[in-house]
Each structure stands twice: as structure tokens, then as C-alpha cells.
Amino acid sequence: MAETVPHDKPQHVSITPLLKRLWPSPGEANVGADEIALAISHIFTDQLSPVQTGALLTALHFTGWDRRPDVIAKCAAAMREAAAPVDKRALRAVVRKRGRREGSYRGGLCDIVGTGGDSHSTFNISTTSSIIASSLLLLSKHGNRASTSKSGSADLLHAMTPIPNISAIKPETIVELYEKTNYAFLFAPVFHPGMKYVATVRKELGWRTIFNLLGPLANPVEGAIEARVVGVARKDLGPVFAEALKMSGAKKAMIICGEEDLDEISCAGRTLCWRLVERPNPDFRGPKEEDDEDYTTSDEDAPPRSIVDVEHFVLSPADFGLPAHPLSEVSGGLLPHENAEILTNMLQNNMARDDPILHFVLINAAALFVVSGLCDADTSDMGDYDDRKVITETGPGNGRWKEGVRRARWAIESGEAWKSWTGFVEASNQLDTK
């Protein structure tokens, strides 16, 4: 008797012709980024066999084509396209309603994220920085469980008391969440269900694949992201990510890599930075008011409203007005429950002002404040305990890094960071989990 094949099982697509051209010289075979992105997209619909999936990831890895800006940009776009859909109009409406404009920050969503894989096992810096930054910015933190460390962003949040219900944050509930809080944690498995089809292959391959690079560029609310800080664990990836973000349409971003190959701004020494800076385009022929975001034109060759430049510079702790600390002093507790205790103490302002981990977090949160444009404001009215003494001194990249630290310290010492966190926890637990 013939075996019955379920009708709802997707038919596998063969990418054998592409695989033959990908190895050993994809350039000579004129392989294009669009072809690779199309092949990657079949993974998310379970239309690529495990063997061909493994072959594709292996060929991309060993030819180095998974580190090309155009390939990363196109594949990240394919990953976002396959994500669970979010009501963009409703999200845009709530962002406009909730966003607090200041300086050149227009009130949009922000993210701070790293590729991981730096092998330094430091404290959960980007996750903690995102919570602190949500005191003044709208945050859309895209994260997952640990893959190369012991405490990923989701692991840390699950270890907190009380526990936020991050699994309840879904495309259909995210707008409701933002009605009540500045912070949202977008748990990757919820928003990228198609990634489950490649999980086993990635684990069995045993090396980092293109998917380790796509995560920071695959935020499911990409269209509403105004600013981001992205950490990479290899210096050669800095310009690659900067170009990939520029190709993807990002206008405010900073790629960072500590000189120790750290995917954070290093508290120990120098950090290489590639910053995307948005500037007015003098050739733009439309309305000059930036509030007119609905302006469109049928002229495909019309000059855009703004242009984006990439600036490269180096930061050090001194640029933030803080001393350097060796990485051995900022390893945290390694395990999620230990890091959760550190995070709680920090948010409740129970750490010494000169604590190395606190300094590490302050410089990274400050960077997001600067990149968002918040620190461009010449006045300050954050609320209670704000001394209103704006630090206008600029450092590398023309950034007000010390002003960013002033604002990050205020968030903690005023209690606003803890208030933002507990507000998020409460709002997430009130979401409909059906």
C-alpha cells in the first residue's frame, strides 16, 4: 500500500543549481544576493530539506558570502518578511501617541542588540541598557535564549522576580502593550516561528552561520525602528553591518566592537564605532517639515528627504567621563538567576556609583541615548531629580557621550528605570494569552 503524504506538508524546493554555483567561486558564477535570500526564505516555510539547508549554510560560511553586506541585508529582509505579521498602522499610531520627542529623537522605537559569540561571558549589558533607556525612549528589544553564553536576554528576564510574561507579547498584543509601557521584549521564537525548521541543522553543523548575524537585523517591527546600537564580535564585521543597515534603509544606527572583539562598548579600553548619521538632503524637493511623514512621490528618481553617511571613530571610557575597568570585573554572575540579582540591584539603585558593571551599563545606555538624538537637546526636563545641567561637550563622532551618561544615571537614581521595568512586567502579565 502506498504511503499517504499529508496534503498540508510543504513540498521541498530543490536549490541544487544554486548550490553548484555557490561553491567554490560564487563570484565567478555570478551568484546574486537575491538568489541567496530566496533560498534562505524557503527555510522559513519548511520547503528546504535539512541536507540542502546544511549545504547552503556551509557554502555561505566557507566562501565568506555570509559576511557580505548585500547578502546580509537581503537575507535579513527575507527573515523579516517571514516573521509573524504586526499591524504596522496600529503600531505606528501608538508610537506617535506615546513617543516623547526631544532633541533630534522623533519618538520612534529603539533597539540595542549584539550578535553574541564574543566568548567574553560578560554581564547582560544590552538587555540591561535597554531597560534603563526605556525611561526616556520607546524600546523594542529583540532577543532570545542563550546560544553561546549561559545567560541570554530571555533567560535573564525569566529569572527576574516578578517574571514578565514575554510569551504573551505577540503581533496581536504588542500595540496593547505599548499603550501601557515604553518597553517591549520581542521573543524571537514567538515572532520568527519559521526559525524552528533550521534549529537542528544549526546545532549539528557546530559553527556559527549566517543566522547568527541576521538576528540583530531581523527585528519584526523594523519599519518602526528609529535608532539602534548593534554590537558585533569581530572588527571586520563593523563596516559590513554598517553597509547592510544602510542598504536596508536605516538612518540612525551605530555598530560597535570592543577592541577585544567584544559586542558591546568596552569598559576596558577602545571600541571601534561605525555610526550611520542622517543629514538633510539639500536636493530634496518635497515638504521641508519632517512631521509630514506621509509625503510620497511617483517620481522614483526624486531625491530622498535625507541622506545617510557612515562615520568611523573610536570611543573609550574616558569619552563618557568614566574610568576603565578590566573585563574580568564585569563578568556578572554568569548564570541567569545571578545576573537577575545584579539587574534588580542596579534598577533599584542599590549599587555603588563606581561599580564596574554599573559603569559598563551606563556607557552602553548612553550610546543609545546619543544615537537616538536625545542628547542633542540643549535643555533637559526629565522630571524629578533632574539637575537640568545639560553637558554639551562633544567627543569622538561629535557625540555628547557624557550627557548620555548623565541621563542614564538619572534614570537609575530617580527610580524611573525601576518604574519602567515594573510597568512592563505588569503590562505583560495583563495581556490576553489566548
Protein backbone atom coordinates (compact mmCIF):
# COMPACT_ATOMS: atom_id res chain seq x y z
CA MET A 1 0.00 0.00 0.00
CA ALA A 2 1.35 3.42 -0.98
CA GLU A 3 2.22 5.74 1.89
CA THR A 4 -0.15 8.66 2.25
CA VAL A 5 1.57 12.02 2.25
CA PRO A 6 -0.23 14.73 4.24
CA HIS A 7 -1.57 17.40 1.89
CA ASP A 8 -0.56 20.21 4.26
CA LYS A 9 3.10 19.20 4.23
CA PRO A 10 5.04 21.75 2.11
CA GLN A 11 6.74 20.35 -0.96
CA HIS A 12 10.52 20.62 -0.85
CA VAL A 13 12.17 23.00 -3.27
CA SER A 14 15.48 21.99 -4.82
CA ILE A 15 18.27 24.58 -4.81
CA THR A 16 20.84 22.23 -6.34
CA PRO A 17 21.62 24.59 -9.27
CA LEU A 18 22.37 27.41 -6.81
CA LEU A 19 24.50 25.17 -4.59
CA LYS A 20 26.63 24.14 -7.58
CA ARG A 21 27.27 27.81 -8.37
CA LEU A 22 27.92 28.79 -4.76
CA TRP A 23 30.93 26.51 -4.45
CA PRO A 24 33.78 27.14 -4.82
CA SER A 25 33.58 30.59 -6.51
CA PRO A 26 30.16 32.28 -6.26
CA GLY A 27 31.56 35.50 -7.68
CA GLU A 28 32.75 33.82 -10.86
CA ALA A 29 29.36 32.12 -11.15
CA ASN A 30 27.57 35.49 -10.82
CA VAL A 31 25.56 34.43 -7.79
CA GLY A 32 23.38 37.29 -6.59
CA ALA A 33 22.23 38.26 -3.11
CA ASP A 34 18.61 37.98 -4.22
CA GLU A 35 19.12 34.34 -5.18
CA ILE A 36 20.62 33.55 -1.80
CA ALA A 37 17.84 35.38 0.04
CA LEU A 38 15.22 33.45 -1.92
CA ALA A 39 16.88 30.16 -0.96
CA ILE A 40 17.01 31.27 2.70
CA SER A 41 13.32 32.19 2.55
CA HIS A 42 12.42 28.58 1.71
CA ILE A 43 13.81 27.53 5.10
CA PHE A 44 11.16 29.55 6.95
CA THR A 45 8.35 27.72 5.15
CA ASP A 46 9.91 24.26 5.66
CA GLN A 47 10.43 23.89 1.91
CA LEU A 48 14.14 23.16 2.05
CA SER A 49 15.42 19.74 3.06
CA PRO A 50 17.82 19.52 6.02
CA VAL A 51 20.59 18.35 3.68
CA GLN A 52 20.21 21.30 1.31
CA THR A 53 19.79 23.70 4.23
CA GLY A 54 23.08 22.47 5.70
CA ALA A 55 24.78 22.66 2.31
CA LEU A 56 23.59 26.23 1.78
CA LEU A 57 24.75 27.42 5.21
CA THR A 58 28.08 25.63 4.80
CA ALA A 59 28.76 27.11 1.35
CA LEU A 60 27.90 30.61 2.57
CA HIS A 61 30.16 30.20 5.57
CA PHE A 62 33.25 28.84 3.86
CA THR A 63 33.08 31.20 0.88
CA GLY A 64 32.62 34.14 3.23
CA TRP A 65 29.50 35.22 1.41
CA ASP A 66 27.50 35.21 4.62
CA ARG A 67 29.62 38.23 5.61
CA ARG A 68 28.76 40.34 2.56
CA PRO A 69 26.60 43.45 3.20
CA ASP A 70 24.20 42.80 0.33
CA VAL A 71 23.69 39.16 1.33
CA ILE A 72 23.11 40.05 4.98
CA ALA A 73 20.70 42.86 4.07
CA LYS A 74 18.68 40.75 1.63
CA CYS A 75 18.53 37.69 3.90
CA ALA A 76 17.52 39.81 6.90
CA ALA A 77 14.72 41.26 4.78
CA ALA A 78 13.60 37.72 3.89
CA MET A 79 13.64 36.78 7.58
CA ARG A 80 11.53 39.80 8.50
CA GLU A 81 9.13 39.07 5.65
CA ALA A 82 8.62 35.55 7.05
CA ALA A 83 8.03 36.83 10.59
CA ALA A 84 4.60 36.81 12.18
CA PRO A 85 2.94 39.97 10.81
CA VAL A 86 2.44 43.02 13.01
CA ASP A 87 -0.30 45.59 12.35
CA LYS A 88 2.03 48.34 11.15
CA ARG A 89 -0.62 51.05 11.00
CA ALA A 90 -1.78 50.42 14.57
CA LEU A 91 1.81 50.22 15.78
CA ARG A 92 2.71 53.46 14.07
CA ALA A 93 -0.30 55.14 15.67
CA VAL A 94 0.61 54.07 19.21
CA VAL A 95 4.25 55.05 18.68
CA ARG A 96 3.18 58.52 17.56
CA LYS A 97 0.93 58.78 20.59
CA ARG A 98 3.44 57.51 23.15
CA GLY A 99 6.78 58.68 21.79
CA ARG A 100 8.35 61.61 23.63
CA ARG A 101 10.22 63.85 21.21
CA GLU A 102 13.35 65.56 22.40
CA GLY A 103 16.48 66.79 20.66
CA SER A 104 16.54 65.08 17.27
CA TYR A 105 14.80 61.99 18.67
CA ARG A 106 11.41 61.78 16.97
CA GLY A 107 9.82 59.38 19.45
CA GLY A 108 10.28 56.18 17.45
CA LEU A 109 11.20 52.70 18.61
CA CYS A 110 14.82 51.91 19.51
CA ASP A 111 16.81 48.70 19.98
CA ILE A 112 20.21 47.76 21.37
CA VAL A 113 21.41 44.29 20.48
CA GLY A 114 24.53 42.23 19.81
CA THR A 115 25.44 39.29 17.62
CA GLY A 116 26.86 37.38 20.59
CA GLY A 117 29.67 34.91 20.16
CA ASP A 118 32.41 37.08 21.66
CA SER A 119 33.34 34.41 24.27
CA HIS A 120 33.85 37.02 27.00
CA SER A 121 30.87 35.96 29.15
CA THR A 122 30.16 39.47 30.37
CA PHE A 123 27.00 40.59 32.15
CA ASN A 124 23.81 41.07 30.07
CA ILE A 125 24.76 44.60 29.06
CA SER A 126 22.47 45.29 26.10
CA THR A 127 19.35 43.94 27.84
CA THR A 128 20.03 45.98 30.98
CA SER A 129 20.85 49.06 28.92
CA SER A 130 17.58 48.69 27.02
CA ILE A 131 15.57 48.69 30.25
CA ILE A 132 17.34 51.79 31.54
CA ALA A 133 16.93 53.56 28.19
CA SER A 134 13.16 52.88 28.24
CA SER A 135 12.89 55.59 30.89
CA LEU A 136 13.20 58.12 28.07
CA LEU A 137 12.88 56.17 24.81
CA LEU A 138 10.43 53.68 23.34
CA LEU A 139 12.27 50.33 23.33
CA SER A 140 11.69 47.29 21.18
CA LYS A 141 14.22 44.79 22.49
CA HIS A 142 14.55 41.82 20.15
CA GLY A 143 16.11 38.82 21.92
CA ASN A 144 16.29 35.11 22.53
CA ARG A 145 17.64 32.47 24.88
CA ALA A 146 21.38 31.93 25.18
CA SER A 147 23.16 30.16 22.34
CA THR A 148 26.84 30.83 23.09
CA SER A 149 26.63 32.09 26.69
CA LYS A 150 24.95 30.89 29.87
CA SER A 151 22.57 33.82 30.19
CA GLY A 152 20.76 35.14 27.13
CA SER A 153 18.37 38.07 27.27
CA ALA A 154 15.28 35.88 27.56
CA ASP A 155 16.97 33.73 30.22
CA LEU A 156 17.69 36.84 32.27
CA LEU A 157 14.11 38.12 32.10
CA HIS A 158 12.72 34.71 33.04
CA ALA A 159 14.93 34.76 36.15
CA MET A 160 13.58 38.09 37.37
CA THR A 161 11.05 38.41 40.19
CA PRO A 162 8.27 39.03 39.36
CA ILE A 163 8.54 37.36 35.97
CA PRO A 164 7.34 39.22 32.86
CA ASN A 165 5.19 37.18 30.50
CA ILE A 166 7.29 37.58 27.37
CA SER A 167 5.47 34.75 25.59
CA ALA A 168 2.28 36.81 25.75
CA ILE A 169 3.92 39.57 23.70
CA LYS A 170 2.77 38.69 20.20
CA PRO A 171 1.96 40.54 16.98
CA GLU A 172 -1.65 40.80 18.10
CA THR A 173 -0.81 42.14 21.58
CA ILE A 174 2.21 44.38 21.03
CA VAL A 175 0.14 47.50 20.35
CA GLU A 176 -1.82 46.93 23.55
CA LEU A 177 1.47 46.59 25.42
CA TYR A 178 2.82 49.89 24.09
CA GLU A 179 -0.37 51.61 25.19
CA LYS A 180 0.80 50.98 28.77
CA THR A 181 4.59 50.88 28.71
CA ASN A 182 7.67 52.18 26.90
CA TYR A 183 9.26 48.74 26.85
CA ALA A 184 8.62 45.58 24.87
CA PHE A 185 10.67 42.40 24.67
CA LEU A 186 10.14 40.64 21.35
CA PHE A 187 10.96 36.99 22.00
CA ALA A 188 12.44 35.65 18.76
CA PRO A 189 10.65 32.23 18.75
CA VAL A 190 7.27 33.99 19.01
CA PHE A 191 7.90 36.41 16.17
CA HIS A 192 10.05 34.14 13.97
CA PRO A 193 8.30 30.74 14.11
CA GLY A 194 9.96 29.63 10.86
CA MET A 195 13.34 29.51 12.58
CA LYS A 196 12.37 26.21 14.17
CA TYR A 197 12.95 24.49 10.83
CA VAL A 198 16.67 25.29 10.89
CA ALA A 199 17.35 24.77 14.59
CA THR A 200 18.55 21.16 14.36
CA VAL A 201 20.74 21.82 11.32
CA ARG A 202 22.44 24.77 13.03
CA LYS A 203 23.11 22.71 16.13
CA GLU A 204 24.56 19.77 14.20
CA LEU A 205 26.79 21.96 12.00
CA GLY A 206 28.62 23.18 15.06
CA TRP A 207 29.79 26.54 13.70
CA ARG A 208 28.24 29.98 13.52
CA THR A 209 26.12 30.51 10.41
CA ILE A 210 24.52 33.50 8.71
CA PHE A 211 21.64 33.25 11.19
CA ASN A 212 23.98 34.36 13.99
CA LEU A 213 24.36 37.60 12.05
CA LEU A 214 20.77 38.11 10.93
CA GLY A 215 19.19 38.30 14.39
CA PRO A 216 20.19 41.92 15.15
CA LEU A 217 18.80 43.00 11.76
CA ALA A 218 15.59 40.98 11.93
CA ASN A 219 13.59 42.98 14.47
CA PRO A 220 9.97 42.19 13.49
CA VAL A 221 8.96 45.85 13.94
CA GLU A 222 11.80 47.03 11.70
CA GLY A 223 9.65 49.62 9.93
CA ALA A 224 9.08 51.49 13.19
CA ILE A 225 12.68 51.36 14.42
CA GLU A 226 14.15 54.87 14.53
CA ALA A 227 17.52 54.18 16.12
CA ARG A 228 19.64 51.23 17.19
CA VAL A 229 23.00 50.21 18.57
CA VAL A 230 24.32 46.90 17.20
CA GLY A 231 27.29 45.11 18.70
CA VAL A 232 29.43 42.77 16.61
CA ALA A 233 32.02 40.33 17.95
CA ARG A 234 34.53 40.77 15.13
CA LYS A 235 36.07 44.04 13.99
CA ASP A 236 35.84 43.12 10.31
CA LEU A 237 32.05 42.90 10.65
CA GLY A 238 31.73 46.56 11.65
CA PRO A 239 31.77 48.12 8.17
CA VAL A 240 29.83 45.13 6.81
CA PHE A 241 26.94 45.70 9.23
CA ALA A 242 27.05 49.46 8.70
CA GLU A 243 26.66 48.99 4.96
CA ALA A 244 23.98 46.31 5.39
CA LEU A 245 21.96 48.63 7.64
CA LYS A 246 22.35 51.49 5.19
CA MET A 247 21.18 49.26 2.35
CA SER A 248 18.18 48.25 4.48
CA GLY A 249 17.12 51.88 4.88
CA ALA A 250 18.35 52.53 8.44
CA LYS A 251 19.11 56.18 9.15
CA LYS A 252 20.21 56.23 12.80
CA ALA A 253 22.46 53.44 13.99
CA MET A 254 25.84 52.68 15.45
CA ILE A 255 27.79 49.47 15.01
CA ILE A 256 30.20 48.82 17.86
CA CYS A 257 33.02 46.36 18.51
CA GLY A 258 35.28 46.47 21.54
CA GLU A 259 38.92 46.10 20.61
CA GLU A 260 38.89 42.76 22.48
CA ASP A 261 36.33 41.56 19.86
CA LEU A 262 33.53 42.39 22.29
CA ASP A 263 29.99 43.02 21.01
CA GLU A 264 29.46 45.93 23.44
CA ILE A 265 31.11 49.29 24.03
CA SER A 266 34.09 48.15 26.06
CA CYS A 267 34.59 49.35 29.62
CA ALA A 268 38.20 48.14 29.41
CA GLY A 269 39.57 50.17 26.53
CA ARG A 270 38.93 51.23 22.96
CA THR A 271 35.78 50.50 20.98
CA LEU A 272 35.57 50.78 17.21
CA CYS A 273 32.41 52.53 16.04
CA TRP A 274 30.67 52.92 12.69
CA ARG A 275 27.82 55.40 13.02
CA LEU A 276 25.04 55.98 10.48
CA VAL A 277 24.22 59.69 10.59
CA GLU A 278 21.13 61.13 8.94
CA ARG A 279 21.53 64.52 7.29
CA PRO A 280 19.06 66.74 5.39
CA ASN A 281 19.37 66.32 1.63
CA PRO A 282 19.80 69.76 0.03
CA ASP A 283 18.39 68.37 -3.23
CA PHE A 284 15.09 67.21 -1.66
CA ARG A 285 12.13 68.85 -3.46
CA GLY A 286 9.26 67.89 -1.12
CA PRO A 287 7.89 69.47 2.08
CA LYS A 288 10.62 70.62 4.42
CA GLU A 289 8.68 69.75 7.59
CA GLU A 290 9.82 66.40 8.96
CA ASP A 291 6.38 65.86 10.52
CA ASP A 292 5.00 65.27 7.03
CA GLU A 293 5.97 61.59 7.10
CA ASP A 294 3.22 60.63 4.65
CA TYR A 295 4.79 62.55 1.76
CA THR A 296 5.14 60.36 -1.32
CA THR A 297 6.02 60.93 -4.95
CA SER A 298 5.55 58.94 -8.13
CA ASP A 299 9.00 60.04 -9.29
CA GLU A 300 11.25 57.10 -8.47
CA ASP A 301 14.32 59.22 -9.18
CA ALA A 302 13.27 62.03 -6.83
CA PRO A 303 15.97 62.89 -4.27
CA PRO A 304 15.20 61.48 -0.80
CA ARG A 305 14.41 63.76 2.15
CA SER A 306 17.65 62.82 3.86
CA ILE A 307 20.96 61.16 3.12
CA VAL A 308 22.91 58.81 5.37
CA ASP A 309 26.65 58.91 5.93
CA VAL A 310 28.78 56.35 7.79
CA GLU A 311 31.32 57.83 10.19
CA HIS A 312 34.09 55.73 11.74
CA PHE A 313 35.69 56.66 15.06
CA VAL A 314 36.96 55.18 18.32
CA LEU A 315 35.43 55.55 21.80
CA SER A 316 36.98 54.89 25.20
CA PRO A 317 35.51 55.03 28.74
CA ALA A 318 37.14 58.43 29.24
CA ASP A 319 34.91 59.86 26.50
CA PHE A 320 31.98 59.07 28.78
CA GLY A 321 33.71 60.61 31.78
CA LEU A 322 34.28 57.21 33.38
CA PRO A 323 37.37 55.14 34.29
CA ALA A 324 38.33 51.93 32.52
CA HIS A 325 37.69 48.53 34.13
CA PRO A 326 39.14 45.15 33.06
CA LEU A 327 36.59 42.73 31.63
CA SER A 328 37.36 40.34 34.49
CA GLU A 329 35.47 42.74 36.78
CA VAL A 330 32.27 42.76 34.71
CA SER A 331 31.56 39.08 34.15
CA GLY A 332 28.43 39.21 36.30
CA GLY A 333 27.25 36.00 37.89
CA LEU A 334 27.22 34.08 34.57
CA LEU A 335 24.01 32.21 35.42
CA PRO A 336 20.61 33.86 34.77
CA HIS A 337 19.48 33.98 38.41
CA GLU A 338 22.77 35.57 39.44
CA ASN A 339 22.58 38.18 36.71
CA ALA A 340 18.94 38.83 37.61
CA GLU A 341 20.02 39.73 41.13
CA ILE A 342 22.58 42.18 39.74
CA LEU A 343 19.99 43.69 37.40
CA THR A 344 17.49 44.12 40.23
CA ASN A 345 20.06 45.80 42.45
CA MET A 346 21.01 48.14 39.64
CA LEU A 347 17.46 49.11 38.75
CA GLN A 348 16.67 49.71 42.43
CA ASN A 349 19.76 51.95 42.72
CA ASN A 350 21.41 49.63 45.23
CA MET A 351 24.84 49.61 43.60
CA ALA A 352 27.79 51.86 44.36
CA ARG A 353 28.12 54.71 41.87
CA ASP A 354 31.59 53.48 40.91
CA ASP A 355 30.63 49.81 40.44
CA PRO A 356 32.38 48.47 37.29
CA ILE A 357 29.26 46.69 36.00
CA LEU A 358 27.21 49.85 36.52
CA HIS A 359 29.79 51.85 34.55
CA PHE A 360 29.72 49.22 31.79
CA VAL A 361 25.93 49.55 31.53
CA LEU A 362 26.00 53.35 31.72
CA ILE A 363 28.28 53.78 28.71
CA ASN A 364 26.16 51.44 26.58
CA ALA A 365 22.84 53.01 27.58
CA ALA A 366 24.42 56.42 26.99
CA ALA A 367 25.36 55.37 23.46
CA LEU A 368 21.75 54.57 22.64
CA PHE A 369 20.66 57.95 24.04
CA VAL A 370 23.23 59.68 21.81
CA VAL A 371 22.41 57.69 18.67
CA SER A 372 18.66 58.28 19.14
CA GLY A 373 19.27 62.03 19.05
CA LEU A 374 18.00 62.56 22.60
CA CYS A 375 21.26 64.12 23.73
CA ASP A 376 21.10 66.77 21.01
CA ALA A 377 18.64 68.67 23.20
CA ASP A 378 20.11 71.82 24.75
CA THR A 379 17.60 71.75 27.60
CA SER A 380 16.61 68.98 30.00
CA ASP A 381 13.31 68.32 31.73
CA MET A 382 13.35 64.61 32.57
CA GLY A 383 11.39 65.07 35.80
CA ASP A 384 12.17 64.82 39.49
CA TYR A 385 15.85 64.76 40.46
CA ASP A 386 16.95 66.11 37.06
CA ASP A 387 19.62 68.75 37.70
CA ARG A 388 18.85 70.12 34.18
CA LYS A 389 22.57 70.75 33.62
CA VAL A 390 22.99 69.58 30.05
CA ILE A 391 26.56 68.52 29.25
CA THR A 392 27.11 69.99 25.78
CA GLU A 393 30.71 68.77 25.47
CA THR A 394 31.17 66.58 22.42
CA GLY A 395 33.60 63.74 21.89
CA PRO A 396 34.50 61.36 19.05
CA GLY A 397 31.91 61.31 16.29
CA ASN A 398 30.59 64.65 17.61
CA GLY A 399 28.53 62.78 20.22
CA ARG A 400 27.55 64.10 23.63
CA TRP A 401 28.64 60.90 25.36
CA LYS A 402 28.90 62.44 28.83
CA GLU A 403 25.38 63.82 28.52
CA GLY A 404 24.24 60.28 27.70
CA VAL A 405 25.78 59.07 30.96
CA ARG A 406 24.10 61.92 32.88
CA ARG A 407 20.72 60.83 31.56
CA ALA A 408 21.39 57.14 32.20
CA ARG A 409 22.40 57.87 35.79
CA TRP A 410 19.26 59.93 36.24
CA ALA A 411 17.13 57.01 35.01
CA ILE A 412 18.53 54.78 37.75
CA GLU A 413 18.88 57.25 40.61
CA SER A 414 15.46 58.84 40.10
CA GLY A 415 13.75 55.44 40.22
CA GLU A 416 12.41 55.82 36.66
CA ALA A 417 14.30 52.76 35.38
CA TRP A 418 12.75 50.54 38.05
CA LYS A 419 9.35 52.14 37.40
CA SER A 420 9.67 51.44 33.68
CA TRP A 421 10.66 47.82 34.35
CA THR A 422 7.84 47.08 36.80
CA GLY A 423 5.38 48.79 34.46
CA PHE A 424 6.47 46.46 31.68
CA VAL A 425 6.18 43.38 33.92
CA GLU A 426 2.67 44.35 34.99
CA ALA A 427 1.53 45.19 31.46
CA SER A 428 2.93 41.95 30.01
CA ASN A 429 1.09 39.88 32.61
CA GLN A 430 -2.19 41.62 31.77
CA LEU A 431 -2.04 40.65 28.09
CA ASP A 432 -4.56 38.18 26.71
CA THR A 433 -2.68 34.87 26.38
CA LYS A 434 -5.27 33.12 24.22
